[in-house]
């Protein structure tokens, strides 16, 4: 709703909403082969698909499919052995970064 005052200013009440950043709860399974190709499910909240949405695992793009605001499925890329970061990038540019052994 817009309000006008005597100075001819316009105020938009509740005209913009800030969205919460996504959260990361778990990834299942939490380990996989260095050759990649493992289908994983990422659980959390606030996932928003479309646009620039994506998932990186160990710095490489995973093939990700948005499922819902609380679940993502992705296929892991190939990577050397060791712990890696999993980063989810929402279409609004907000990210969540989780360090987990995969």
Protein backbone atom coordinates (compact mmCIF):
# COMPACT_ATOMS: atom_id res chain seq x y z
CA UNK A 1 0.00 0.00 0.00
CA UNK A 2 1.32 3.48 -0.82
CA UNK A 3 0.77 6.51 1.40
CA UNK A 4 1.11 10.16 0.34
CA UNK A 5 1.92 12.91 2.81
CA UNK A 6 1.81 16.73 2.66
CA UNK A 7 5.40 16.92 1.29
CA UNK A 8 4.31 14.74 -1.65
CA UNK A 9 6.49 11.84 -0.53
CA UNK A 10 5.26 8.35 -1.21
CA UNK A 11 5.82 5.55 1.27
CA UNK A 12 5.32 1.93 0.27
CA UNK A 13 4.20 0.01 3.34
CA UNK A 14 5.34 -3.62 3.30
CA UNK A 15 6.41 -3.14 -0.32
CA UNK A 16 9.57 -5.25 -0.06
CA UNK A 17 10.32 -8.53 1.71
CA UNK A 18 13.74 -9.86 2.71
CA UNK A 19 14.03 -13.61 2.33
CA UNK A 20 15.94 -15.71 4.84
CA UNK A 21 19.18 -17.29 3.70
CA UNK A 22 19.02 -21.02 3.00
CA UNK A 23 20.13 -23.51 5.66
CA UNK A 24 21.89 -26.85 5.22
CA UNK A 25 20.96 -29.77 7.48
CA UNK A 26 22.40 -32.90 5.86
CA UNK A 27 23.65 -34.63 2.73
CA UNK A 28 22.88 -38.31 2.14
CA UNK A 29 24.96 -40.28 1.41
CA UNK A 30 27.84 -38.32 2.94
CA UNK A 31 30.58 -40.25 1.10
CA UNK A 32 31.15 -41.35 -2.48
CA UNK A 33 33.78 -42.51 -4.97
CA UNK A 34 36.34 -40.13 -6.49
CA UNK A 35 34.83 -40.87 -9.91
CA UNK A 36 31.67 -38.95 -8.92
CA UNK A 37 28.26 -39.92 -10.22
CA UNK A 38 26.72 -40.43 -6.77
CA UNK A 39 23.13 -39.23 -6.41
CA UNK A 40 22.84 -37.29 -3.16
CA UNK A 41 19.94 -35.71 -1.31
CA UNK A 42 20.60 -32.40 0.42
CA UNK A 43 18.20 -31.43 3.20
CA UNK A 44 17.72 -27.94 4.61
CA UNK A 45 15.39 -24.99 4.35
CA UNK A 46 14.86 -21.99 2.12
CA UNK A 47 16.01 -23.49 -1.20
CA UNK A 48 14.75 -21.42 -4.13
CA UNK A 49 15.16 -22.81 -7.65
CA UNK A 50 15.37 -21.08 -11.00
CA UNK A 51 17.69 -18.43 -12.39
CA UNK A 52 21.17 -18.76 -10.91
CA UNK A 53 20.29 -21.71 -8.62
CA UNK A 54 23.09 -24.23 -8.37
CA UNK A 55 25.08 -26.64 -6.25
CA UNK A 56 28.86 -27.02 -6.16
CA UNK A 57 30.59 -29.95 -4.50
CA UNK A 58 34.31 -29.58 -4.03
CA UNK A 59 34.28 -26.43 -6.18
CA UNK A 60 32.79 -28.16 -9.22
CA UNK A 61 29.22 -27.85 -10.45
CA UNK A 62 26.97 -30.75 -9.53
CA UNK A 63 24.06 -31.59 -11.74
CA UNK A 64 21.33 -30.42 -9.40
CA UNK A 65 17.61 -30.77 -9.59
CA UNK A 66 15.46 -28.61 -7.34
CA UNK A 67 12.93 -30.75 -5.50
CA UNK A 68 11.36 -28.47 -2.89
CA UNK A 69 12.17 -25.68 -0.48
CA UNK A 70 13.62 -28.34 1.87
CA UNK A 71 15.25 -30.93 -0.42
CA UNK A 72 17.65 -30.99 -3.39
CA UNK A 73 18.89 -33.94 -5.40
CA UNK A 74 22.26 -33.67 -7.12
CA UNK A 75 24.83 -35.87 -8.82
CA UNK A 76 28.38 -35.48 -7.56
CA UNK A 77 31.21 -34.51 -9.91
CA UNK A 78 34.55 -36.36 -9.91
CA UNK A 79 37.01 -35.12 -7.26
CA UNK A 80 40.20 -36.15 -5.48
CA UNK A 81 39.75 -37.97 -2.15
CA UNK A 82 39.16 -35.82 0.92
CA UNK A 83 36.68 -33.54 2.63
CA UNK A 84 35.00 -30.94 0.40
CA UNK A 85 32.64 -28.00 0.73
CA UNK A 86 29.08 -28.20 -0.54
CA UNK A 87 27.71 -24.81 -1.59
CA UNK A 88 24.09 -24.11 -2.49
CA UNK A 89 23.38 -20.91 -4.42
CA UNK A 90 19.76 -19.79 -4.45
CA UNK A 91 18.34 -17.88 -7.42
CA UNK A 92 18.35 -14.73 -5.26
CA UNK A 93 22.15 -15.00 -4.81
CA UNK A 94 22.08 -16.12 -1.18
CA UNK A 95 24.33 -19.08 -0.42
CA UNK A 96 24.93 -21.69 2.22
CA UNK A 97 28.32 -23.40 2.53
CA UNK A 98 28.73 -26.69 4.37
CA UNK A 99 32.01 -28.53 4.91
CA UNK A 100 31.32 -32.25 4.87
CA UNK A 101 33.26 -35.34 3.93
CA UNK A 102 32.09 -36.59 0.54
